[in-house]
Amino acid sequence: MIDFSTFAAVDGTPVYRQILFFIKRGIVAGTVRDGDALPSRRALSALLGINPNTAQKIYRLLEEEDLIHSHGGAKSVVTL
C-alpha cells in the first residue's frame, strides 16, 4: 500500500496535482513500485481530507497515464 503519511498539501497548487506529483515522485524514487496498492478512492479522500470527486479525478488521471490499473470492485494498483 502506498504510504501517504509524508504527504503535506501546500497552497498555490491544486491538491490533485500535488497528489499526482507525490505518487509520480515516489515511482521515480523507487518508494512506489509496480504492484503497490492504492487506498480506495473513499479511503484516500478520508485520509487526506479531500473531496471524493478529487480522489476520483486523481485515479482517472493516473489510469489515463497507464500508471495504475483499476478493476471494478477491486483495488487499484501501480502498473509500471
Protein backbone atom coordinates (compact mmCIF):
# COMPACT_ATOMS: atom_id res chain seq x y z
CA MET A 1 0.00 0.00 0.00
CA ILE A 2 1.30 3.43 -0.89
CA ASP A 3 2.16 5.41 2.24
CA PHE A 4 0.70 8.91 2.24
CA SER A 5 1.89 9.77 5.76
CA THR A 6 4.52 12.17 4.43
CA PHE A 7 2.16 13.98 2.06
CA ALA A 8 1.55 17.60 3.00
CA ALA A 9 -0.52 19.88 0.80
CA VAL A 10 0.68 23.42 0.23
CA ASP A 11 -1.15 26.48 -1.02
CA GLY A 12 -0.80 27.67 -4.57
CA THR A 13 -1.10 24.40 -6.48
CA PRO A 14 -4.31 22.38 -6.85
CA VAL A 15 -4.27 19.49 -4.40
CA TYR A 16 -4.97 16.89 -7.08
CA ARG A 17 -1.79 17.96 -8.90
CA GLN A 18 0.19 17.77 -5.65
CA ILE A 19 -1.01 14.22 -5.02
CA LEU A 20 -0.25 13.18 -8.61
CA PHE A 21 3.26 14.61 -8.22
CA PHE A 22 3.67 12.84 -4.86
CA ILE A 23 2.83 9.47 -6.45
CA LYS A 24 5.00 10.08 -9.53
CA ARG A 25 7.91 11.23 -7.36
CA GLY A 26 7.54 8.00 -5.37
CA ILE A 27 7.71 5.99 -8.59
CA VAL A 28 10.90 7.77 -9.67
CA ALA A 29 12.44 7.41 -6.19
CA GLY A 30 11.54 3.73 -6.02
CA THR A 31 9.34 4.05 -2.92
CA VAL A 32 6.28 3.31 -5.07
CA ARG A 33 6.72 0.08 -7.03
CA ASP A 34 4.90 -1.97 -9.58
CA GLY A 35 2.05 -3.83 -7.90
CA ASP A 36 1.73 -1.44 -4.94
CA ALA A 37 -1.90 -0.94 -3.99
CA LEU A 38 -3.57 2.41 -3.55
CA PRO A 39 -6.25 3.00 -0.94
CA SER A 40 -9.80 3.08 -2.23
CA ARG A 41 -10.99 6.41 -3.53
CA ARG A 42 -13.15 6.84 -0.44
CA ALA A 43 -10.26 5.92 1.88
CA LEU A 44 -7.88 8.32 0.11
CA SER A 45 -10.48 11.06 0.42
CA ALA A 46 -10.82 10.49 4.15
CA LEU A 47 -7.08 10.02 4.71
CA LEU A 48 -6.06 13.25 3.01
CA GLY A 49 -9.18 15.28 3.78
CA ILE A 50 -10.03 15.85 0.13
CA ASN A 51 -13.30 15.76 -1.75
CA PRO A 52 -14.20 12.27 -3.05
CA ASN A 53 -14.54 13.77 -6.54
CA THR A 54 -10.92 14.95 -6.28
CA ALA A 55 -9.81 11.41 -5.38
CA GLN A 56 -11.77 10.10 -8.37
CA LYS A 57 -10.06 12.64 -10.63
CA ILE A 58 -6.61 11.60 -9.37
CA TYR A 59 -7.28 7.92 -10.08
CA ARG A 60 -8.74 8.70 -13.52
CA LEU A 61 -5.66 10.75 -14.47
CA LEU A 62 -3.30 8.03 -13.22
CA GLU A 63 -5.26 5.46 -15.26
CA GLU A 64 -5.05 7.67 -18.36
CA GLU A 65 -1.26 7.79 -17.95
CA ASP A 66 -1.19 3.98 -17.50
CA LEU A 67 0.40 4.36 -14.07
CA ILE A 68 -2.35 2.46 -12.27
CA HIS A 69 -4.88 -0.20 -13.17
CA SER A 70 -8.27 -0.43 -11.51
CA HIS A 71 -10.76 -3.27 -11.58
CA GLY A 72 -14.39 -2.79 -10.69
CA GLY A 73 -14.77 -3.71 -7.03
CA ALA A 74 -11.04 -4.43 -6.66
CA LYS A 75 -8.01 -2.47 -5.56
CA SER A 76 -6.20 -0.05 -7.81
CA VAL A 77 -2.55 -0.99 -8.25
CA VAL A 78 0.51 0.67 -9.72
CA THR A 79 1.44 -0.70 -13.12
CA LEU A 80 4.86 0.25 -14.45
